[in-house]
Amino acid sequence: MTNQPPSQIVTAAVAAEEWHVDRRTALRWIASGKVAAEKIADGQTSAYVLTREEVDRVKAEVVTA
């Protein structure tokens, strides 16, 4: 995933905003495996990044749910 151009990488916080869910919900989805993401930092923030394609895939699922 890290080989993606910067414009194709989205943080979990931005993804949550686009999905209209709380950031904690997005992190739960990532932890459960519902959403594919790459962990880029340890610690309390648990920073994750996602591909634009994954964000759009989940967005389509959330809209149709």
PDB file of N, CA and C in Angstrom:
ATOM      1  N   MET A   1       0.830  -1.201   0.000  1.00  0.00           N
ATOM      2  CA  MET A   1       0.000   0.000   0.000  1.00  0.00           C
ATOM      3  C   MET A   1       0.865   1.252   0.000  1.00  0.00           C
ATOM      4  N   THR A   2       1.998   1.212   0.633  1.00  0.00           N
ATOM      5  CA  THR A   2       2.814   2.412   0.730  1.00  0.00           C
ATOM      6  C   THR A   2       3.421   2.841  -0.601  1.00  0.00           C
ATOM      7  N   ASN A   3       3.292   2.025  -1.645  1.00  0.00           N
ATOM      8  CA  ASN A   3       3.787   2.399  -2.961  1.00  0.00           C
ATOM      9  C   ASN A   3       2.777   3.238  -3.732  1.00  0.00           C
ATOM     10  N   GLN A   4       1.638   3.507  -3.143  1.00  0.00           N
ATOM     11  CA  GLN A   4       0.605   4.319  -3.773  1.00  0.00           C
ATOM     12  C   GLN A   4       1.032   5.780  -3.811  1.00  0.00           C
ATOM     13  N   PRO A   5       0.636   6.518  -4.861  1.00  0.00           N
ATOM     14  CA  PRO A   5       0.893   7.969  -4.858  1.00  0.00           C
ATOM     15  C   PRO A   5       0.198   8.618  -3.664  1.00  0.00           C
ATOM     16  N   PRO A   6       0.742   9.694  -3.115  1.00  0.00           N
ATOM     17  CA  PRO A   6       0.143  10.328  -1.927  1.00  0.00           C
ATOM     18  C   PRO A   6      -1.343  10.652  -2.071  1.00  0.00           C
ATOM     19  N   SER A   7      -1.792  11.032  -3.253  1.00  0.00           N
ATOM     20  CA  SER A   7      -3.207  11.379  -3.427  1.00  0.00           C
ATOM     21  C   SER A   7      -4.111  10.154  -3.338  1.00  0.00           C
ATOM     22  N   GLN A   8      -3.524   8.968  -3.415  1.00  0.00           N
ATOM     23  CA  GLN A   8      -4.298   7.743  -3.342  1.00  0.00           C
ATOM     24  C   GLN A   8      -4.305   7.130  -1.946  1.00  0.00           C
ATOM     25  N   ILE A   9      -3.661   7.804  -0.997  1.00  0.00           N
ATOM     26  CA  ILE A   9      -3.597   7.335   0.387  1.00  0.00           C
ATOM     27  C   ILE A   9      -4.478   8.237   1.243  1.00  0.00           C
ATOM     28  N   VAL A  10      -5.298   7.614   2.080  1.00  0.00           N
ATOM     29  CA  VAL A  10      -6.254   8.346   2.907  1.00  0.00           C
ATOM     30  C   VAL A  10      -6.078   7.899   4.356  1.00  0.00           C
ATOM     31  N   THR A  11      -6.092   8.842   5.278  1.00  0.00           N
ATOM     32  CA  THR A  11      -6.017   8.478   6.697  1.00  0.00           C
ATOM     33  C   THR A  11      -7.359   7.923   7.156  1.00  0.00           C
ATOM     34  N   ALA A  12      -7.326   7.191   8.253  1.00  0.00           N
ATOM     35  CA  ALA A  12      -8.558   6.636   8.809  1.00  0.00           C
ATOM     36  C   ALA A  12      -9.525   7.749   9.206  1.00  0.00           C
ATOM     37  N   ALA A  13      -8.999   8.853   9.700  1.00  0.00           N
ATOM     38  CA  ALA A  13      -9.865   9.973  10.102  1.00  0.00           C
ATOM     39  C   ALA A  13     -10.586  10.566   8.895  1.00  0.00           C
ATOM     40  N   VAL A  14      -9.868  10.730   7.787  1.00  0.00           N
ATOM     41  CA  VAL A  14     -10.499  11.266   6.569  1.00  0.00           C
ATOM     42  C   VAL A  14     -11.514  10.267   6.028  1.00  0.00           C
ATOM     43  N   ALA A  15     -11.167   8.996   6.055  1.00  0.00           N
ATOM     44  CA  ALA A  15     -12.092   7.960   5.589  1.00  0.00           C
ATOM     45  C   ALA A  15     -13.372   7.989   6.419  1.00  0.00           C
ATOM     46  N   ALA A  16     -13.235   8.071   7.737  1.00  0.00           N
ATOM     47  CA  ALA A  16     -14.410   8.115   8.612  1.00  0.00           C
ATOM     48  C   ALA A  16     -15.292   9.301   8.275  1.00  0.00           C
ATOM     49  N   GLU A  17     -14.666  10.429   7.997  1.00  0.00           N
ATOM     50  CA  GLU A  17     -15.427  11.619   7.614  1.00  0.00           C
ATOM     51  C   GLU A  17     -16.224  11.363   6.336  1.00  0.00           C
ATOM     52  N   GLU A  18     -15.581  10.749   5.356  1.00  0.00           N
ATOM     53  CA  GLU A  18     -16.256  10.462   4.088  1.00  0.00           C
ATOM     54  C   GLU A  18     -17.372   9.439   4.255  1.00  0.00           C
ATOM     55  N   TRP A  19     -17.203   8.528   5.211  1.00  0.00           N
ATOM     56  CA  TRP A  19     -18.224   7.515   5.470  1.00  0.00           C
ATOM     57  C   TRP A  19     -19.325   8.020   6.400  1.00  0.00           C
ATOM     58  N   HIS A  20     -19.143   9.217   6.945  1.00  0.00           N
ATOM     59  CA  HIS A  20     -20.092   9.805   7.896  1.00  0.00           C
ATOM     60  C   HIS A  20     -20.251   8.947   9.144  1.00  0.00           C
ATOM     61  N   VAL A  21     -19.096   8.454   9.633  1.00  0.00           N
ATOM     62  CA  VAL A  21     -19.078   7.699  10.885  1.00  0.00           C
ATOM     63  C   VAL A  21     -17.996   8.295  11.778  1.00  0.00           C
ATOM     64  N   ASP A  22     -18.067   7.979  13.053  1.00  0.00           N
ATOM     65  CA  ASP A  22     -17.052   8.417  13.993  1.00  0.00           C
ATOM     66  C   ASP A  22     -15.729   7.711  13.693  1.00  0.00           C
ATOM     67  N   ARG A  23     -14.620   8.369  13.954  1.00  0.00           N
ATOM     68  CA  ARG A  23     -13.293   7.778  13.721  1.00  0.00           C
ATOM     69  C   ARG A  23     -13.140   6.455  14.467  1.00  0.00           C
ATOM     70  N   ARG A  24     -13.700   6.374  15.670  1.00  0.00           N
ATOM     71  CA  ARG A  24     -13.620   5.127  16.440  1.00  0.00           C
ATOM     72  C   ARG A  24     -14.340   3.984  15.739  1.00  0.00           C
ATOM     73  N   THR A  25     -15.435   4.297  15.055  1.00  0.00           N
ATOM     74  CA  THR A  25     -16.143   3.279  14.279  1.00  0.00           C
ATOM     75  C   THR A  25     -15.260   2.784  13.144  1.00  0.00           C
ATOM     76  N   ALA A  26     -14.614   3.705  12.442  1.00  0.00           N
ATOM     77  CA  ALA A  26     -13.708   3.316  11.357  1.00  0.00           C
ATOM     78  C   ALA A  26     -12.585   2.426  11.891  1.00  0.00           C
ATOM     79  N   LEU A  27     -12.046   2.763  13.053  1.00  0.00           N
ATOM     80  CA  LEU A  27     -10.974   1.954  13.640  1.00  0.00           C
ATOM     81  C   LEU A  27     -11.484   0.573  14.043  1.00  0.00           C
ATOM     82  N   ARG A  28     -12.712   0.483  14.507  1.00  0.00           N
ATOM     83  CA  ARG A  28     -13.302  -0.825  14.830  1.00  0.00           C
ATOM     84  C   ARG A  28     -13.450  -1.664  13.562  1.00  0.00           C
ATOM     85  N   TRP A  29     -13.894  -1.028  12.481  1.00  0.00           N
ATOM     86  CA  TRP A  29     -14.030  -1.738  11.199  1.00  0.00           C
ATOM     87  C   TRP A  29     -12.680  -2.260  10.733  1.00  0.00           C
ATOM     88  N   ILE A  30     -11.635  -1.455  10.905  1.00  0.00           N
ATOM     89  CA  ILE A  30     -10.283  -1.872  10.526  1.00  0.00           C
ATOM     90  C   ILE A  30      -9.844  -3.044  11.400  1.00  0.00           C
ATOM     91  N   ALA A  31     -10.039  -2.924  12.711  1.00  0.00           N
ATOM     92  CA  ALA A  31      -9.626  -3.972  13.650  1.00  0.00           C
ATOM     93  C   ALA A  31     -10.348  -5.289  13.386  1.00  0.00           C
ATOM     94  N   SER A  32     -11.605  -5.212  12.945  1.00  0.00           N
ATOM     95  CA  SER A  32     -12.386  -6.424  12.697  1.00  0.00           C
ATOM     96  C   SER A  32     -12.087  -7.056  11.340  1.00  0.00           C
ATOM     97  N   GLY A  33     -11.365  -6.328  10.489  1.00  0.00           N
ATOM     98  CA  GLY A  33     -11.058  -6.847   9.164  1.00  0.00           C
ATOM     99  C   GLY A  33     -12.064  -6.461   8.094  1.00  0.00           C
ATOM    100  N   LYS A  34     -13.092  -5.742   8.473  1.00  0.00           N
ATOM    101  CA  LYS A  34     -14.105  -5.298   7.504  1.00  0.00           C
ATOM    102  C   LYS A  34     -13.487  -4.334   6.494  1.00  0.00           C
ATOM    103  N   VAL A  35     -12.485  -3.577   6.934  1.00  0.00           N
ATOM    104  CA  VAL A  35     -11.822  -2.584   6.095  1.00  0.00           C
ATOM    105  C   VAL A  35     -10.323  -2.891   6.074  1.00  0.00           C
ATOM    106  N   ALA A  36      -9.740  -2.890   4.874  1.00  0.00           N
ATOM    107  CA  ALA A  36      -8.302  -3.119   4.730  1.00  0.00           C
ATOM    108  C   ALA A  36      -7.551  -1.807   4.931  1.00  0.00           C
ATOM    109  N   ALA A  37      -6.576  -1.833   5.821  1.00  0.00           N
ATOM    110  CA  ALA A  37      -5.780  -0.637   6.105  1.00  0.00           C
ATOM    111  C   ALA A  37      -4.395  -1.068   6.538  1.00  0.00           C
ATOM    112  N   GLU A  38      -3.468  -0.141   6.456  1.00  0.00           N
ATOM    113  CA  GLU A  38      -2.102  -0.398   6.878  1.00  0.00           C
ATOM    114  C   GLU A  38      -1.773   0.476   8.075  1.00  0.00           C
ATOM    115  N   LYS A  39      -1.295  -0.144   9.142  1.00  0.00           N
ATOM    116  CA  LYS A  39      -0.924   0.592  10.341  1.00  0.00           C
ATOM    117  C   LYS A  39       0.424   1.260  10.099  1.00  0.00           C
ATOM    118  N   ILE A  40       0.496   2.561  10.334  1.00  0.00           N
ATOM    119  CA  ILE A  40       1.734   3.290  10.072  1.00  0.00           C
ATOM    120  C   ILE A  40       2.381   3.837  11.329  1.00  0.00           C
ATOM    121  N   ALA A  41       1.721   3.686  12.474  1.00  0.00           N
ATOM    122  CA  ALA A  41       2.297   4.174  13.723  1.00  0.00           C
ATOM    123  C   ALA A  41       1.718   3.385  14.890  1.00  0.00           C
ATOM    124  N   ASP A  42       2.517   3.224  15.912  1.00  0.00           N
ATOM    125  CA  ASP A  42       2.061   2.563  17.131  1.00  0.00           C
ATOM    126  C   ASP A  42       1.650   3.606  18.151  1.00  0.00           C
ATOM    127  N   GLY A  43       1.176   3.135  19.271  1.00  0.00           N
ATOM    128  CA  GLY A  43       0.808   4.042  20.348  1.00  0.00           C
ATOM    129  C   GLY A  43      -0.685   4.254  20.413  1.00  0.00           C
ATOM    130  N   GLN A  44      -1.086   5.250  21.168  1.00  0.00           N
ATOM    131  CA  GLN A  44      -2.499   5.503  21.405  1.00  0.00           C
ATOM    132  C   GLN A  44      -3.249   5.917  20.150  1.00  0.00           C
ATOM    133  N   THR A  45      -2.578   6.575  19.211  1.00  0.00           N
ATOM    134  CA  THR A  45      -3.287   7.058  18.031  1.00  0.00           C
ATOM    135  C   THR A  45      -3.571   5.955  17.035  1.00  0.00           C
ATOM    136  N   SER A  46      -2.764   4.889  17.021  1.00  0.00           N
ATOM    137  CA  SER A  46      -2.947   3.786  16.074  1.00  0.00           C
ATOM    138  C   SER A  46      -3.251   4.312  14.684  1.00  0.00           C
ATOM    139  N   ALA A  47      -2.332   5.055  14.127  1.00  0.00           N
ATOM    140  CA  ALA A  47      -2.536   5.680  12.829  1.00  0.00           C
ATOM    141  C   ALA A  47      -2.578   4.636  11.715  1.00  0.00           C
ATOM    142  N   TYR A  48      -3.609   4.711  10.898  1.00  0.00           N
ATOM    143  CA  TYR A  48      -3.791   3.811   9.765  1.00  0.00           C
ATOM    144  C   TYR A  48      -3.987   4.629   8.501  1.00  0.00           C
ATOM    145  N   VAL A  49      -3.592   4.038   7.368  1.00  0.00           N
ATOM    146  CA  VAL A  49      -3.885   4.619   6.068  1.00  0.00           C
ATOM    147  C   VAL A  49      -4.590   3.577   5.222  1.00  0.00           C
ATOM    148  N   LEU A  50      -5.409   4.071   4.306  1.00  0.00           N
ATOM    149  CA  LEU A  50      -6.181   3.223   3.412  1.00  0.00           C
ATOM    150  C   LEU A  50      -5.970   3.703   1.985  1.00  0.00           C
ATOM    151  N   THR A  51      -6.205   2.819   1.038  1.00  0.00           N
ATOM    152  CA  THR A  51      -6.154   3.246  -0.355  1.00  0.00           C
ATOM    153  C   THR A  51      -7.456   3.958  -0.696  1.00  0.00           C
ATOM    154  N   ARG A  52      -7.413   4.812  -1.674  1.00  0.00           N
ATOM    155  CA  ARG A  52      -8.614   5.506  -2.151  1.00  0.00           C
ATOM    156  C   ARG A  52      -9.657   4.476  -2.599  1.00  0.00           C
ATOM    157  N   GLU A  53      -9.201   3.400  -3.243  1.00  0.00           N
ATOM    158  CA  GLU A  53     -10.131   2.362  -3.707  1.00  0.00           C
ATOM    159  C   GLU A  53     -10.892   1.729  -2.542  1.00  0.00           C
ATOM    160  N   GLU A  54     -10.191   1.466  -1.433  1.00  0.00           N
ATOM    161  CA  GLU A  54     -10.836   0.869  -0.264  1.00  0.00           C
ATOM    162  C   GLU A  54     -11.839   1.842   0.349  1.00  0.00           C
ATOM    163  N   VAL A  55     -11.479   3.107   0.431  1.00  0.00           N
ATOM    164  CA  VAL A  55     -12.398   4.113   0.965  1.00  0.00           C
ATOM    165  C   VAL A  55     -13.666   4.163   0.112  1.00  0.00           C
ATOM    166  N   ASP A  56     -13.490   4.177  -1.198  1.00  0.00           N
ATOM    167  CA  ASP A  56     -14.649   4.235  -2.100  1.00  0.00           C
ATOM    168  C   ASP A  56     -15.488   2.965  -2.017  1.00  0.00           C
ATOM    169  N   ARG A  57     -14.833   1.799  -1.859  1.00  0.00           N
ATOM    170  CA  ARG A  57     -15.573   0.536  -1.740  1.00  0.00           C
ATOM    171  C   ARG A  57     -16.467   0.554  -0.503  1.00  0.00           C
ATOM    172  N   VAL A  58     -15.889   0.958   0.618  1.00  0.00           N
ATOM    173  CA  VAL A  58     -16.662   0.995   1.865  1.00  0.00           C
ATOM    174  C   VAL A  58     -17.755   2.055   1.777  1.00  0.00           C
ATOM    175  N   LYS A  59     -17.443   3.179   1.171  1.00  0.00           N
ATOM    176  CA  LYS A  59     -18.437   4.241   1.028  1.00  0.00           C
ATOM    177  C   LYS A  59     -19.655   3.730   0.257  1.00  0.00           C
ATOM    178  N   ALA A  60     -19.422   2.957  -0.793  1.00  0.00           N
ATOM    179  CA  ALA A  60     -20.528   2.388  -1.563  1.00  0.00           C
ATOM    180  C   ALA A  60     -21.338   1.415  -0.712  1.00  0.00           C
ATOM    181  N   GLU A  61     -20.673   0.635   0.130  1.00  0.00           N
ATOM    182  CA  GLU A  61     -21.381  -0.309   1.004  1.00  0.00           C
ATOM    183  C   GLU A  61     -22.204   0.436   2.056  1.00  0.00           C
ATOM    184  N   VAL A  62     -21.637   1.485   2.629  1.00  0.00           N
ATOM    185  CA  VAL A  62     -22.334   2.248   3.665  1.00  0.00           C
ATOM    186  C   VAL A  62     -23.564   2.931   3.084  1.00  0.00           C
ATOM    187  N   VAL A  63     -23.453   3.438   1.877  1.00  0.00           N
ATOM    188  CA  VAL A  63     -24.572   4.134   1.228  1.00  0.00           C
ATOM    189  C   VAL A  63     -25.699   3.164   0.931  1.00  0.00           C
ATOM    190  N   THR A  64     -25.375   1.933   0.508  1.00  0.00           N
ATOM    191  CA  THR A  64     -26.409   0.972   0.151  1.00  0.00           C
ATOM    192  C   THR A  64     -26.949   0.215   1.346  1.00  0.00           C
ATOM    193  N   ALA A  65     -26.304   0.342   2.505  1.00  0.00           N
ATOM    194  CA  ALA A  65     -26.753  -0.399   3.695  1.00  0.00           C
ATOM    195  C   ALA A  65     -27.955   0.258   4.341  1.00  0.00           C
TER     196      ALA A  65
END
